[in-house]
C-alpha atoms as a PDB file:
ATOM      1  CA  UNK A   1    -235.006 -95.604  97.881  1.00  0.00           C
ATOM      2  CA  UNK A   2    -234.320 -92.381  96.032  1.00  0.00           C
ATOM      3  CA  UNK A   3    -237.769 -92.513  94.489  1.00  0.00           C
ATOM      4  CA  UNK A   4    -239.262 -92.632  97.976  1.00  0.00           C
ATOM      5  CA  UNK A   5    -237.237 -89.565  98.968  1.00  0.00           C
ATOM      6  CA  UNK A   6    -238.409 -87.738  95.857  1.00  0.00           C
ATOM      7  CA  UNK A   7    -241.996 -88.080  97.048  1.00  0.00           C
ATOM      8  CA  UNK A   8    -241.104 -85.940 100.077  1.00  0.00           C
ATOM      9  CA  UNK A   9    -238.513 -83.629  98.522  1.00  0.00           C
ATOM     10  CA  UNK A  10    -239.550 -81.823  95.347  1.00  0.00           C
ATOM     11  CA  UNK A  11    -235.940 -80.767  94.724  1.00  0.00           C
ATOM     12  CA  UNK A  12    -235.048 -84.331  93.675  1.00  0.00           C
ATOM     13  CA  UNK A  13    -235.745 -84.355  89.960  1.00  0.00           C
ATOM     14  CA  UNK A  14    -233.871 -87.560  89.145  1.00  0.00           C
ATOM     15  CA  UNK A  15    -230.929 -89.711  90.062  1.00  0.00           C
ATOM     16  CA  UNK A  16    -228.089 -91.686  88.517  1.00  0.00           C
ATOM     17  CA  UNK A  17    -227.993 -95.314  89.611  1.00  0.00           C
ATOM     18  CA  UNK A  18    -225.153 -97.799  89.871  1.00  0.00           C
ATOM     19  CA  UNK A  19    -224.947-101.337  88.531  1.00  0.00           C
ATOM     20  CA  UNK A  20    -222.359-104.095  88.377  1.00  0.00           C
ATOM     21  CA  UNK A  21    -221.694-104.765  84.699  1.00  0.00           C
ATOM     22  CA  UNK A  22    -220.357-108.254  85.424  1.00  0.00           C
ATOM     23  CA  UNK A  23    -223.438-109.386  87.369  1.00  0.00           C
ATOM     24  CA  UNK A  24    -225.068-112.270  85.453  1.00  0.00           C
ATOM     25  CA  UNK A  25    -228.493-110.946  86.480  1.00  0.00           C
ATOM     26  CA  UNK A  26    -227.765-107.485  85.047  1.00  0.00           C
ATOM     27  CA  UNK A  27    -230.601-107.729  82.477  1.00  0.00           C
ATOM     28  CA  UNK A  28    -233.085-108.362  85.289  1.00  0.00           C
ATOM     29  CA  UNK A  29    -231.763-105.405  87.282  1.00  0.00           C
ATOM     30  CA  UNK A  30    -231.928-103.149  84.229  1.00  0.00           C
ATOM     31  CA  UNK A  31    -235.485-104.206  83.502  1.00  0.00           C
ATOM     32  CA  UNK A  32    -236.499-103.377  87.087  1.00  0.00           C
ATOM     33  CA  UNK A  33    -234.622-100.066  87.101  1.00  0.00           C
ATOM     34  CA  UNK A  34    -236.151 -99.084  83.777  1.00  0.00           C
ATOM     35  CA  UNK A  35    -239.564 -98.821  85.447  1.00  0.00           C
ATOM     36  CA  UNK A  36    -238.414 -95.946  87.688  1.00  0.00           C
ATOM     37  CA  UNK A  37    -239.220 -92.624  85.993  1.00  0.00           C
ATOM     38  CA  UNK A  38    -236.706 -90.787  88.193  1.00  0.00           C
ATOM     39  CA  UNK A  39    -233.745 -92.851  87.007  1.00  0.00           C
ATOM     40  CA  UNK A  40    -231.909 -90.673  84.501  1.00  0.00           C
ATOM     41  CA  UNK A  41    -228.819 -92.795  83.965  1.00  0.00           C
ATOM     42  CA  UNK A  42    -226.486 -95.515  85.168  1.00  0.00           C
ATOM     43  CA  UNK A  43    -222.803 -95.495  85.909  1.00  0.00           C
ATOM     44  CA  UNK A  44    -220.083 -97.922  86.811  1.00  0.00           C
ATOM     45  CA  UNK A  45    -217.005 -96.908  88.786  1.00  0.00           C
ATOM     46  CA  UNK A  46    -213.996 -97.874  86.669  1.00  0.00           C
ATOM     47  CA  UNK A  47    -211.371 -96.058  88.727  1.00  0.00           C
ATOM     48  CA  UNK A  48    -210.280 -99.147  90.682  1.00  0.00           C
ATOM     49  CA  UNK A  49    -210.330-101.840  88.010  1.00  0.00           C
ATOM     50  CA  UNK A  50    -207.921-103.250  85.463  1.00  0.00           C
ATOM     51  CA  UNK A  51    -208.350-101.542  82.086  1.00  0.00           C
ATOM     52  CA  UNK A  52    -208.832-104.867  80.298  1.00  0.00           C
ATOM     53  CA  UNK A  53    -211.960-105.508  82.354  1.00  0.00           C
ATOM     54  CA  UNK A  54    -214.079-103.300  80.112  1.00  0.00           C
ATOM     55  CA  UNK A  55    -212.963-105.335  77.096  1.00  0.00           C
ATOM     56  CA  UNK A  56    -214.220-108.560  78.669  1.00  0.00           C
ATOM     57  CA  UNK A  57    -217.108-110.191  76.816  1.00  0.00           C
ATOM     58  CA  UNK A  58    -219.163-110.223  80.045  1.00  0.00           C
ATOM     59  CA  UNK A  59    -219.357-106.431  80.102  1.00  0.00           C
ATOM     60  CA  UNK A  60    -219.150-105.467  76.448  1.00  0.00           C
ATOM     61  CA  UNK A  61    -222.224-104.754  74.382  1.00  0.00           C
ATOM     62  CA  UNK A  62    -223.326-107.461  71.914  1.00  0.00           C
END
């Protein structure tokens, strides 16, 4: 979506995407997103979650 906008608007140099860290298909999403040259980063909104969530093995790095 953003990549399509960037084709028409030169002022879009890149974008930060969003992903659900607990999604079991996260590796597939990351592989797809990694092909977009305009994607400069990913974020996850942690403002509304329990602090222990980030310690869960589903979202922690191996």
